[in-house]
Amino acid sequence: MDISPESEDDPFEDQRDRTGNAMRRLFSEYGRPNSGKAAVGVVASIFSRLLDLLPPLLLGVAIDSVFLNEREFSLWLVPDAWLPNEPAGQFWLVSGMIAFSFGLAAAFHWTRNWGFNAFAQRIQHSVRTDTYDKMQRLNMGFFADKQTGELMSILSNDVNRLEKFLNDGLNSLFRLVVMVVGIGGILAYYNWQLALVALLPVPLIVGFTYVFIRTIQPKYARVRSSVGQVNSRLENNLGGIQVIKSSNTEGYESERVEDASGEYLDANWDAIRTRIRFFPGLRLLSGFGFAVTFVVGGLWVFGDSPPGPLTGELSVGTFVVFILYTQRFIWPVAQFGQIINMYQRAYASAERVFGLMDEPDSVEEVEGAEDLVVEQGAVEYDNVTFGYGEDTVLEDVSLRADGGETVAVVGPTGAGKSTLLKLLLRLYDADEGSVRVDGTDIREVTLSSLRRKIGYVSQETFLFQGTVRENIAYGRLGGDEPPSDEEIEEAARAAEAHGFVQELPDGYGTTVGERGVKLSGGQRQRIAVARAFLRDPEILVLDEATSDVDTETEMLIQRSLDRLTEDRTTFVIAHRLSTVRDADEIVVLEDGRVVERGDHEDLVSRDGLYAKLWGVQAGEIEGLPEDFVQRAKRRRAEPDTDD
């Protein structure tokens, strides 16, 4: 399957299009603060590479002056008075200088590696943490459009690819520059005519590389996109492995993984084909320069006169220096293709990283926002309208909960119940209208202070990999002082969790596993309630907190929730209407609108939507009107935009 970088299959196309020059931005924003370490690497690289060039020079001097005695013994930058006159002394001096150059070069190589590695590692760390920090501050709509595997691909693969270029790529680049400039300068100094012959392939290499860059860049963008798709498929399947096994769909999922991996194979193999044609061609051009230099220099040394239009003399030592340097010239030039290859891969990754960093956040703090101060805990929705894109979920909703009251929000699936309470947490912002706490618009206060005042317990309890103690303590990690062990146990007792925690192998130190898989659903839910107890919020949101457990566990959780909701403003979403019949007010939503409100007895007596829902749960299905049944069928046939 052919997927171009502009294909709709690329989930980060919009982000990549607005990044500008991603690599320039990388060096500007992250390279500059670490420029000292880069400078150490650059300076050490220059000296180490220059020292690498010294042994062939000394060998050429030894051949002409010590072994063949064709010229006087002399060394660059060393006064003749300091040099020995006897061949034996000259031999040992050259030998000592060669050994010293290797030793000093090794020290500079270590310094070079330290500098470039420190530079790359610190940038890698900063980019990854900044990208994650930006990602976790985005609104929930962004995560609805992106899969976890795609985001993990950016935080892991793309950031690591940047580090590889900043370390290996830049290291090789400076090696190439120093070696090419240094070798070119030395060859020109010794014999500029033969130097021109040796450097003949350079213009061809430059042109060949330019074509490679233009060809490979879009292919690497396609590779990065397909990697994210493979990661997403694998992450989804591993997370749902129990469903796959119980549904006997291993073959189907294997085919889907094969399709995603096949798309990556096609994209990567397309880039590989371009790459494997380029590198041998580059080596061929470099080898051509070496062969021509050997032939011309050999004829020059052994012939009676210089070949062709060349003039002057060429000593054996100089010829050996040319051969050694031309051979050394081939590998750095051939490595130029590897550097370009790493650069193009890094560029594609940088586009994705900065595209994510530049993702606009529709939930932002206003300038000068102050911390929310809750006195009574009164919450008011004033003519609130909200939709996901073009799908309106809530329309002109108004309701109020006075401080300490419990308001239940009920209604059919997709009525907008969860969305309504997500607006209170500012996981989204209302399109129209406002939400206020004690008369203060929540858009005028800091996000952190707002969310510190609200406790949230959902149906889908998420526990982090770690211990029971750490998961309960998570309720107080948002800027407050870490809780003591006594406070954690007190919260667990209040949530009816202390008893089962004590029976675990290591008590509060028991590891719960990824997403809490080592605990039952009811145990996970009670840990979540304990987390809310520990947080002790002024406002509480319970989103289907007991709907996914058995009746006995529901009784235990409900007991703890009753204690938790005492004397604090509480919003409860429930499908099991029996759990909210004692609420101070019940608000009934249908198709994003408030259609009824009142207490349980009042709503049942009206014989409206609430009474019909109550009748369904009471088993009185036969007496339901046909229009209610038809509306239920239509709702089940429509996509649920509430989540």
Foldseek 3Di string as FASTA:
>chain_A
DDDFLCHPLQLLSVLLVPCPQLVVVLCVVQVVVLVVLVVQLLVLLLLLLVLVLPLLVLQLLCVCCQVVNPDHRDDPPDDPVVQDDDSVSSVVVSVVSNVVSVVVSVVSVVSNLRSLLVSLVRSLVVLLVLLVVLVVPFFVLVPVSAFPLLSVLLSPVLSVLSSCCSRVLVSLVSSLVSLVVVLLVVLCVQPVVLSCLLCVLVVVLVVLLVVLLVPQLRLLLQLSSLSSVLRRLVVVCVVCVVVCVVVVPPVVSVVVSVVSVVSNVVSVVVNVVSLVVSLVVLLVSLVVSLVRSLVQLVCQAPPPARPDPDHDHDHPSSSSSNNVSSVVSSVSSSCVSVSSVSVSNNSSSSSSSSSSSPPDHQQDADPPFAFDDADQFKKWWAQFWDDDVPGTQAGGAIDIFTRLFEEEEEEDFQLQQLVVVVCQLPSDDTPDTAMDTVRHGPSRHDSLNSNLQEQEQALLQFAAFFFLLVRLQVLQPSPHDGDDPVLLLVLLVLLVQQVVLVVDPVRRRDTLPHRSVNDDSLNSLSSSSSSRSSSLHQEYEYHQSQVPDDPVSSVSRLSSVVVSSGRHHYYYYHLPCVSCQPGQKYFYGGSNYTDDMDHNVVVCVVPDPSVLSVCVVVVVPVPDDPVVVVVSVVVVVDDNRSD
